[in-house]
Amino acid sequence: MVRLPLTPAEVERGERLGAVLRRARGTRSMLQTALDAGVSPETLRKIESGRVATPAFPTIAAIADVLGLSLDTLWSEVNQPERLVS
């Protein structure tokens, strides 16, 4: 199966997703957050850095749950282009 290249909008949305998750994680350990969510630390690192712009829904749902983020809040923040946070 050939994966189509991501559009610039998808890349930007992935960067916003990563920024929101990084901000929500705060000073928590990336390792412990990933383990609590049932994902590898490498996966979490890639999502937070924007390298995985379109992660699987169950992965994001698990991370959001661990961070205490509702999916509604997460979706709202990720879909606001002017809110790109480092």
PDB file of N, CA and C in Angstrom:
ATOM      1  N   MET A   1       0.844  -1.169   0.000  1.00  0.00           N
ATOM      2  CA  MET A   1       0.000   0.000   0.000  1.00  0.00           C
ATOM      3  C   MET A   1       0.893   1.237   0.000  1.00  0.00           C
ATOM      4  N   VAL A   2       0.614   2.133  -0.887  1.00  0.00           N
ATOM      5  CA  VAL A   2       1.379   3.371  -0.998  1.00  0.00           C
ATOM      6  C   VAL A   2       0.696   4.441  -0.154  1.00  0.00           C
ATOM      7  N   ARG A   3       1.477   5.089   0.675  1.00  0.00           N
ATOM      8  CA  ARG A   3       0.936   6.165   1.507  1.00  0.00           C
ATOM      9  C   ARG A   3       1.161   7.495   0.782  1.00  0.00           C
ATOM     10  N   LEU A   4       0.086   8.233   0.607  1.00  0.00           N
ATOM     11  CA  LEU A   4       0.185   9.524  -0.062  1.00  0.00           C
ATOM     12  C   LEU A   4       0.910  10.525   0.835  1.00  0.00           C
ATOM     13  N   PRO A   5       1.645  11.446   0.236  1.00  0.00           N
ATOM     14  CA  PRO A   5       2.318  12.472   1.038  1.00  0.00           C
ATOM     15  C   PRO A   5       1.290  13.320   1.787  1.00  0.00           C
ATOM     16  N   LEU A   6       1.686  13.785   2.959  1.00  0.00           N
ATOM     17  CA  LEU A   6       0.794  14.632   3.737  1.00  0.00           C
ATOM     18  C   LEU A   6       0.704  16.017   3.115  1.00  0.00           C
ATOM     19  N   THR A   7      -0.462  16.602   3.246  1.00  0.00           N
ATOM     20  CA  THR A   7      -0.641  17.971   2.776  1.00  0.00           C
ATOM     21  C   THR A   7      -0.006  18.921   3.792  1.00  0.00           C
ATOM     22  N   PRO A   8       0.295  20.138   3.382  1.00  0.00           N
ATOM     23  CA  PRO A   8       0.821  21.113   4.347  1.00  0.00           C
ATOM     24  C   PRO A   8      -0.128  21.316   5.535  1.00  0.00           C
ATOM     25  N   ALA A   9      -1.429  21.266   5.295  1.00  0.00           N
ATOM     26  CA  ALA A   9      -2.400  21.429   6.387  1.00  0.00           C
ATOM     27  C   ALA A   9      -2.309  20.272   7.378  1.00  0.00           C
ATOM     28  N   GLU A  10      -2.114  19.049   6.882  1.00  0.00           N
ATOM     29  CA  GLU A  10      -1.973  17.893   7.766  1.00  0.00           C
ATOM     30  C   GLU A  10      -0.696  17.979   8.598  1.00  0.00           C
ATOM     31  N   VAL A  11       0.368  18.435   7.978  1.00  0.00           N
ATOM     32  CA  VAL A  11       1.639  18.598   8.695  1.00  0.00           C
ATOM     33  C   VAL A  11       1.477  19.642   9.792  1.00  0.00           C
ATOM     34  N   GLU A  12       0.848  20.755   9.461  1.00  0.00           N
ATOM     35  CA  GLU A  12       0.637  21.821  10.449  1.00  0.00           C
ATOM     36  C   GLU A  12      -0.249  21.342  11.600  1.00  0.00           C
ATOM     37  N   ARG A  13      -1.293  20.603  11.277  1.00  0.00           N
ATOM     38  CA  ARG A  13      -2.178  20.071  12.315  1.00  0.00           C
ATOM     39  C   ARG A  13      -1.418  19.105  13.220  1.00  0.00           C
ATOM     40  N   GLY A  14      -0.528  18.296  12.640  1.00  0.00           N
ATOM     41  CA  GLY A  14       0.289  17.389  13.438  1.00  0.00           C
ATOM     42  C   GLY A  14       1.218  18.133  14.382  1.00  0.00           C
ATOM     43  N   GLU A  15       1.750  19.260  13.917  1.00  0.00           N
ATOM     44  CA  GLU A  15       2.614  20.085  14.770  1.00  0.00           C
ATOM     45  C   GLU A  15       1.812  20.690  15.918  1.00  0.00           C
ATOM     46  N   ARG A  16       0.590  21.132  15.621  1.00  0.00           N
ATOM     47  CA  ARG A  16      -0.266  21.682  16.681  1.00  0.00           C
ATOM     48  C   ARG A  16      -0.631  20.606  17.692  1.00  0.00           C
ATOM     49  N   LEU A  17      -0.932  19.402  17.208  1.00  0.00           N
ATOM     50  CA  LEU A  17      -1.241  18.292  18.106  1.00  0.00           C
ATOM     51  C   LEU A  17      -0.070  18.033  19.050  1.00  0.00           C
ATOM     52  N   GLY A  18       1.116  17.961  18.501  1.00  0.00           N
ATOM     53  CA  GLY A  18       2.302  17.736  19.318  1.00  0.00           C
ATOM     54  C   GLY A  18       2.495  18.817  20.361  1.00  0.00           C
ATOM     55  N   ALA A  19       2.273  20.074  19.962  1.00  0.00           N
ATOM     56  CA  ALA A  19       2.440  21.200  20.889  1.00  0.00           C
ATOM     57  C   ALA A  19       1.431  21.127  22.031  1.00  0.00           C
ATOM     58  N   VAL A  20       0.190  20.780  21.710  1.00  0.00           N
ATOM     59  CA  VAL A  20      -0.846  20.671  22.743  1.00  0.00           C
ATOM     60  C   VAL A  20      -0.495  19.549  23.722  1.00  0.00           C
ATOM     61  N   LEU A  21      -0.066  18.421  23.199  1.00  0.00           N
ATOM     62  CA  LEU A  21       0.287  17.301  24.078  1.00  0.00           C
ATOM     63  C   LEU A  21       1.501  17.624  24.937  1.00  0.00           C
ATOM     64  N   ARG A  22       2.505  18.266  24.357  1.00  0.00           N
ATOM     65  CA  ARG A  22       3.696  18.662  25.130  1.00  0.00           C
ATOM     66  C   ARG A  22       3.306  19.598  26.261  1.00  0.00           C
ATOM     67  N   ARG A  23       2.473  20.580  25.919  1.00  0.00           N
ATOM     68  CA  ARG A  23       2.042  21.547  26.932  1.00  0.00           C
ATOM     69  C   ARG A  23       1.253  20.849  28.038  1.00  0.00           C
ATOM     70  N   ALA A  24       0.366  19.935  27.670  1.00  0.00           N
ATOM     71  CA  ALA A  24      -0.442  19.220  28.673  1.00  0.00           C
ATOM     72  C   ALA A  24       0.423  18.310  29.545  1.00  0.00           C
ATOM     73  N   ARG A  25       1.469  17.751  28.960  1.00  0.00           N
ATOM     74  CA  ARG A  25       2.356  16.858  29.725  1.00  0.00           C
ATOM     75  C   ARG A  25       3.157  17.649  30.741  1.00  0.00           C
ATOM     76  N   GLY A  26       3.474  18.886  30.410  1.00  0.00           N
ATOM     77  CA  GLY A  26       4.196  19.750  31.344  1.00  0.00           C
ATOM     78  C   GLY A  26       5.507  19.152  31.793  1.00  0.00           C
ATOM     79  N   THR A  27       5.681  19.014  33.098  1.00  0.00           N
ATOM     80  CA  THR A  27       6.936  18.493  33.653  1.00  0.00           C
ATOM     81  C   THR A  27       6.905  16.989  33.865  1.00  0.00           C
ATOM     82  N   ARG A  28       5.808  16.358  33.487  1.00  0.00           N
ATOM     83  CA  ARG A  28       5.728  14.893  33.635  1.00  0.00           C
ATOM     84  C   ARG A  28       6.760  14.219  32.747  1.00  0.00           C
ATOM     85  N   SER A  29       7.237  13.114  33.181  1.00  0.00           N
ATOM     86  CA  SER A  29       8.202  12.334  32.411  1.00  0.00           C
ATOM     87  C   SER A  29       7.565  11.811  31.128  1.00  0.00           C
ATOM     88  N   MET A  30       8.284  11.991  30.022  1.00  0.00           N
ATOM     89  CA  MET A  30       7.811  11.441  28.756  1.00  0.00           C
ATOM     90  C   MET A  30       7.715   9.922  28.853  1.00  0.00           C
ATOM     91  N   LEU A  31       8.692   9.304  29.480  1.00  0.00           N
ATOM     92  CA  LEU A  31       8.715   7.845  29.624  1.00  0.00           C
ATOM     93  C   LEU A  31       7.490   7.359  30.383  1.00  0.00           C
ATOM     94  N   GLN A  32       7.224   7.951  31.534  1.00  0.00           N
ATOM     95  CA  GLN A  32       6.092   7.488  32.338  1.00  0.00           C
ATOM     96  C   GLN A  32       4.770   7.765  31.652  1.00  0.00           C
ATOM     97  N   THR A  33       4.659   8.915  30.996  1.00  0.00           N
ATOM     98  CA  THR A  33       3.430   9.244  30.267  1.00  0.00           C
ATOM     99  C   THR A  33       3.180   8.212  29.170  1.00  0.00           C
ATOM    100  N   ALA A  34       4.221   7.891  28.418  1.00  0.00           N
ATOM    101  CA  ALA A  34       4.076   6.907  27.334  1.00  0.00           C
ATOM    102  C   ALA A  34       3.687   5.543  27.893  1.00  0.00           C
ATOM    103  N   LEU A  35       4.377   5.109  28.942  1.00  0.00           N
ATOM    104  CA  LEU A  35       4.067   3.800  29.527  1.00  0.00           C
ATOM    105  C   LEU A  35       2.644   3.758  30.067  1.00  0.00           C
ATOM    106  N   ASP A  36       2.215   4.822  30.738  1.00  0.00           N
ATOM    107  CA  ASP A  36       0.851   4.873  31.268  1.00  0.00           C
ATOM    108  C   ASP A  36      -0.190   4.822  30.152  1.00  0.00           C
ATOM    109  N   ALA A  37       0.159   5.378  28.983  1.00  0.00           N
ATOM    110  CA  ALA A  37      -0.763   5.386  27.843  1.00  0.00           C
ATOM    111  C   ALA A  37      -0.674   4.106  27.015  1.00  0.00           C
ATOM    112  N   GLY A  38       0.325   3.275  27.300  1.00  0.00           N
ATOM    113  CA  GLY A  38       0.476   2.032  26.544  1.00  0.00           C
ATOM    114  C   GLY A  38       1.098   2.218  25.177  1.00  0.00           C
ATOM    115  N   VAL A  39       1.897   3.278  25.028  1.00  0.00           N
ATOM    116  CA  VAL A  39       2.613   3.509  23.770  1.00  0.00           C
ATOM    117  C   VAL A  39       4.098   3.572  24.074  1.00  0.00           C
ATOM    118  N   SER A  40       4.899   3.443  23.059  1.00  0.00           N
ATOM    119  CA  SER A  40       6.337   3.519  23.280  1.00  0.00           C
ATOM    120  C   SER A  40       6.747   4.975  23.476  1.00  0.00           C
ATOM    121  N   PRO A  41       7.790   5.209  24.267  1.00  0.00           N
ATOM    122  CA  PRO A  41       8.289   6.578  24.416  1.00  0.00           C
ATOM    123  C   PRO A  41       8.681   7.183  23.068  1.00  0.00           C
ATOM    124  N   GLU A  42       9.199   6.364  22.168  1.00  0.00           N
ATOM    125  CA  GLU A  42       9.581   6.850  20.839  1.00  0.00           C
ATOM    126  C   GLU A  42       8.352   7.346  20.073  1.00  0.00           C
ATOM    127  N   THR A  43       7.241   6.629  20.189  1.00  0.00           N
ATOM    128  CA  THR A  43       6.005   7.057  19.533  1.00  0.00           C
ATOM    129  C   THR A  43       5.549   8.397  20.085  1.00  0.00           C
ATOM    130  N   LEU A  44       5.548   8.530  21.406  1.00  0.00           N
ATOM    131  CA  LEU A  44       5.139   9.796  22.016  1.00  0.00           C
ATOM    132  C   LEU A  44       6.078  10.923  21.582  1.00  0.00           C
ATOM    133  N   ARG A  45       7.363  10.656  21.562  1.00  0.00           N
ATOM    134  CA  ARG A  45       8.335  11.677  21.141  1.00  0.00           C
ATOM    135  C   ARG A  45       8.061  12.126  19.708  1.00  0.00           C
ATOM    136  N   LYS A  46       7.794  11.174  18.823  1.00  0.00           N
ATOM    137  CA  LYS A  46       7.527  11.509  17.429  1.00  0.00           C
ATOM    138  C   LYS A  46       6.235  12.307  17.275  1.00  0.00           C
ATOM    139  N   ILE A  47       5.213  11.959  18.037  1.00  0.00           N
ATOM    140  CA  ILE A  47       3.955  12.701  17.966  1.00  0.00           C
ATOM    141  C   ILE A  47       4.165  14.114  18.491  1.00  0.00           C
ATOM    142  N   GLU A  48       4.834  14.233  19.641  1.00  0.00           N
ATOM    143  CA  GLU A  48       5.059  15.559  20.225  1.00  0.00           C
ATOM    144  C   GLU A  48       5.928  16.448  19.343  1.00  0.00           C
ATOM    145  N   SER A  49       6.828  15.851  18.587  1.00  0.00           N
ATOM    146  CA  SER A  49       7.703  16.653  17.722  1.00  0.00           C
ATOM    147  C   SER A  49       7.067  16.929  16.356  1.00  0.00           C
ATOM    148  N   GLY A  50       5.908  16.338  16.090  1.00  0.00           N
ATOM    149  CA  GLY A  50       5.239  16.545  14.812  1.00  0.00           C
ATOM    150  C   GLY A  50       5.708  15.615  13.708  1.00  0.00           C
ATOM    151  N   ARG A  51       6.610  14.689  14.043  1.00  0.00           N
ATOM    152  CA  ARG A  51       7.107  13.763  13.017  1.00  0.00           C
ATOM    153  C   ARG A  51       6.064  12.738  12.614  1.00  0.00           C
ATOM    154  N   VAL A  52       5.105  12.457  13.489  1.00  0.00           N
ATOM    155  CA  VAL A  52       3.974  11.603  13.139  1.00  0.00           C
ATOM    156  C   VAL A  52       2.762  12.528  13.139  1.00  0.00           C
ATOM    157  N   ALA A  53       2.432  13.029  11.977  1.00  0.00           N
ATOM    158  CA  ALA A  53       1.382  14.045  11.865  1.00  0.00           C
ATOM    159  C   ALA A  53      -0.024  13.461  11.913  1.00  0.00           C
ATOM    160  N   THR A  54      -0.161  12.185  11.617  1.00  0.00           N
ATOM    161  CA  THR A  54      -1.488  11.569  11.607  1.00  0.00           C
ATOM    162  C   THR A  54      -1.472  10.280  12.428  1.00  0.00           C
ATOM    163  N   PRO A  55      -1.294  10.395  13.741  1.00  0.00           N
ATOM    164  CA  PRO A  55      -1.258   9.193  14.577  1.00  0.00           C
ATOM    165  C   PRO A  55      -2.640   8.535  14.654  1.00  0.00           C
ATOM    166  N   ALA A  56      -2.650   7.280  15.025  1.00  0.00           N
ATOM    167  CA  ALA A  56      -3.901   6.534  15.139  1.00  0.00           C
ATOM    168  C   ALA A  56      -4.765   7.110  16.267  1.00  0.00           C
ATOM    169  N   PHE A  57      -6.062   7.104  16.044  1.00  0.00           N
ATOM    170  CA  PHE A  57      -6.991   7.639  17.038  1.00  0.00           C
ATOM    171  C   PHE A  57      -6.834   6.981  18.409  1.00  0.00           C
ATOM    172  N   PRO A  58      -6.767   5.641  18.497  1.00  0.00           N
ATOM    173  CA  PRO A  58      -6.626   5.030  19.832  1.00  0.00           C
ATOM    174  C   PRO A  58      -5.360   5.488  20.561  1.00  0.00           C
ATOM    175  N   THR A  59      -4.308   5.762  19.821  1.00  0.00           N
ATOM    176  CA  THR A  59      -3.070   6.244  20.430  1.00  0.00           C
ATOM    177  C   THR A  59      -3.291   7.611  21.053  1.00  0.00           C
ATOM    178  N   ILE A  60      -3.902   8.511  20.307  1.00  0.00           N
ATOM    179  CA  ILE A  60      -4.158   9.856  20.813  1.00  0.00           C
ATOM    180  C   ILE A  60      -5.156   9.813  21.962  1.00  0.00           C
ATOM    181  N   ALA A  61      -6.172   8.972  21.854  1.00  0.00           N
ATOM    182  CA  ALA A  61      -7.158   8.861  22.938  1.00  0.00           C
ATOM    183  C   ALA A  61      -6.489   8.389  24.225  1.00  0.00           C
ATOM    184  N   ALA A  62      -5.582   7.429  24.132  1.00  0.00           N
ATOM    185  CA  ALA A  62      -4.895   6.913  25.322  1.00  0.00           C
ATOM    186  C   ALA A  62      -3.997   7.974  25.939  1.00  0.00           C
ATOM    187  N   ILE A  63      -3.254   8.705  25.108  1.00  0.00           N
ATOM    188  CA  ILE A  63      -2.367   9.760  25.616  1.00  0.00           C
ATOM    189  C   ILE A  63      -3.196  10.870  26.250  1.00  0.00           C
ATOM    190  N   ALA A  64      -4.260  11.289  25.586  1.00  0.00           N
ATOM    191  CA  ALA A  64      -5.118  12.345  26.126  1.00  0.00           C
ATOM    192  C   ALA A  64      -5.702  11.928  27.475  1.00  0.00           C
ATOM    193  N   ASP A  65      -6.113  10.680  27.594  1.00  0.00           N
ATOM    194  CA  ASP A  65      -6.674  10.181  28.848  1.00  0.00           C
ATOM    195  C   ASP A  65      -5.652  10.283  29.977  1.00  0.00           C
ATOM    196  N   VAL A  66      -4.434   9.852  29.711  1.00  0.00           N
ATOM    197  CA  VAL A  66      -3.369   9.914  30.716  1.00  0.00           C
ATOM    198  C   VAL A  66      -3.095  11.357  31.129  1.00  0.00           C
ATOM    199  N   LEU A  67      -3.187  12.272  30.180  1.00  0.00           N
ATOM    200  CA  LEU A  67      -2.904  13.685  30.456  1.00  0.00           C
ATOM    201  C   LEU A  67      -4.109  14.437  31.009  1.00  0.00           C
ATOM    202  N   GLY A  68      -5.247  13.758  31.088  1.00  0.00           N
ATOM    203  CA  GLY A  68      -6.447  14.409  31.606  1.00  0.00           C
ATOM    204  C   GLY A  68      -7.072  15.386  30.629  1.00  0.00           C
ATOM    205  N   LEU A  69      -6.814  15.180  29.340  1.00  0.00           N
ATOM    206  CA  LEU A  69      -7.386  16.033  28.295  1.00  0.00           C
ATOM    207  C   LEU A  69      -8.630  15.361  27.723  1.00  0.00           C
ATOM    208  N   SER A  70      -9.709  16.114  27.605  1.00  0.00           N
ATOM    209  CA  SER A  70     -10.855  15.547  26.908  1.00  0.00           C
ATOM    210  C   SER A  70     -10.555  15.595  25.410  1.00  0.00           C
ATOM    211  N   LEU A  71     -11.105  14.668  24.675  1.00  0.00           N
ATOM    212  CA  LEU A  71     -10.899  14.667  23.229  1.00  0.00           C
ATOM    213  C   LEU A  71     -11.532  15.896  22.591  1.00  0.00           C
ATOM    214  N   ASP A  72     -12.620  16.391  23.157  1.00  0.00           N
ATOM    215  CA  ASP A  72     -13.242  17.615  22.641  1.00  0.00           C
ATOM    216  C   ASP A  72     -12.292  18.805  22.774  1.00  0.00           C
ATOM    217  N   THR A  73     -11.664  18.921  23.933  1.00  0.00           N
ATOM    218  CA  THR A  73     -10.721  20.016  24.154  1.00  0.00           C
ATOM    219  C   THR A  73      -9.526  19.883  23.230  1.00  0.00           C
ATOM    220  N   LEU A  74      -9.006  18.673  23.135  1.00  0.00           N
ATOM    221  CA  LEU A  74      -7.857  18.420  22.272  1.00  0.00           C
ATOM    222  C   LEU A  74      -8.190  18.783  20.827  1.00  0.00           C
ATOM    223  N   TRP A  75      -9.320  18.315  20.328  1.00  0.00           N
ATOM    224  CA  TRP A  75      -9.741  18.594  18.952  1.00  0.00           C
ATOM    225  C   TRP A  75      -9.883  20.099  18.724  1.00  0.00           C
ATOM    226  N   SER A  76     -10.487  20.776  19.688  1.00  0.00           N
ATOM    227  CA  SER A  76     -10.686  22.218  19.571  1.00  0.00           C
ATOM    228  C   SER A  76      -9.349  22.953  19.485  1.00  0.00           C
ATOM    229  N   GLU A  77      -8.412  22.603  20.335  1.00  0.00           N
ATOM    230  CA  GLU A  77      -7.117  23.277  20.343  1.00  0.00           C
ATOM    231  C   GLU A  77      -6.303  22.968  19.086  1.00  0.00           C
ATOM    232  N   VAL A  78      -6.360  21.745  18.619  1.00  0.00           N
ATOM    233  CA  VAL A  78      -5.577  21.349  17.449  1.00  0.00           C
ATOM    234  C   VAL A  78      -6.115  22.015  16.182  1.00  0.00           C
ATOM    235  N   ASN A  79      -7.391  22.302  16.150  1.00  0.00           N
ATOM    236  CA  ASN A  79      -8.000  22.874  14.951  1.00  0.00           C
ATOM    237  C   ASN A  79      -8.076  24.396  14.974  1.00  0.00           C
ATOM    238  N   GLN A  80      -7.249  25.021  15.777  1.00  0.00           N
ATOM    239  CA  GLN A  80      -7.156  26.480  15.804  1.00  0.00           C
ATOM    240  C   GLN A  80      -5.753  26.861  15.313  1.00  0.00           C
ATOM    241  N   PRO A  81      -5.599  27.129  14.004  1.00  0.00           N
ATOM    242  CA  PRO A  81      -4.284  27.395  13.430  1.00  0.00           C
ATOM    243  C   PRO A  81      -3.494  28.485  14.133  1.00  0.00           C
ATOM    244  N   GLU A  82      -4.164  29.504  14.646  1.00  0.00           N
ATOM    245  CA  GLU A  82      -3.442  30.593  15.282  1.00  0.00           C
ATOM    246  C   GLU A  82      -2.887  30.213  16.638  1.00  0.00           C
ATOM    247  N   ARG A  83      -3.199  29.016  17.129  1.00  0.00           N
ATOM    248  CA  ARG A  83      -2.772  28.618  18.458  1.00  0.00           C
ATOM    249  C   ARG A  83      -1.572  27.689  18.451  1.00  0.00           C
ATOM    250  N   LEU A  84      -0.709  27.795  17.465  1.00  0.00           N
ATOM    251  CA  LEU A  84       0.489  26.973  17.426  1.00  0.00           C
ATOM    252  C   LEU A  84       1.367  27.353  18.604  1.00  0.00           C
ATOM    253  N   VAL A  85       1.567  26.380  19.508  1.00  0.00           N
ATOM    254  CA  VAL A  85       2.299  26.621  20.754  1.00  0.00           C
ATOM    255  C   VAL A  85       3.532  25.745  20.757  1.00  0.00           C
ATOM    256  N   SER A  86       4.654  26.298  21.171  1.00  0.00           N
ATOM    257  CA  SER A  86       5.898  25.520  21.223  1.00  0.00           C
ATOM    258  C   SER A  86       6.037  24.810  22.529  1.00  0.00           C
TER     259      SER A  86
END
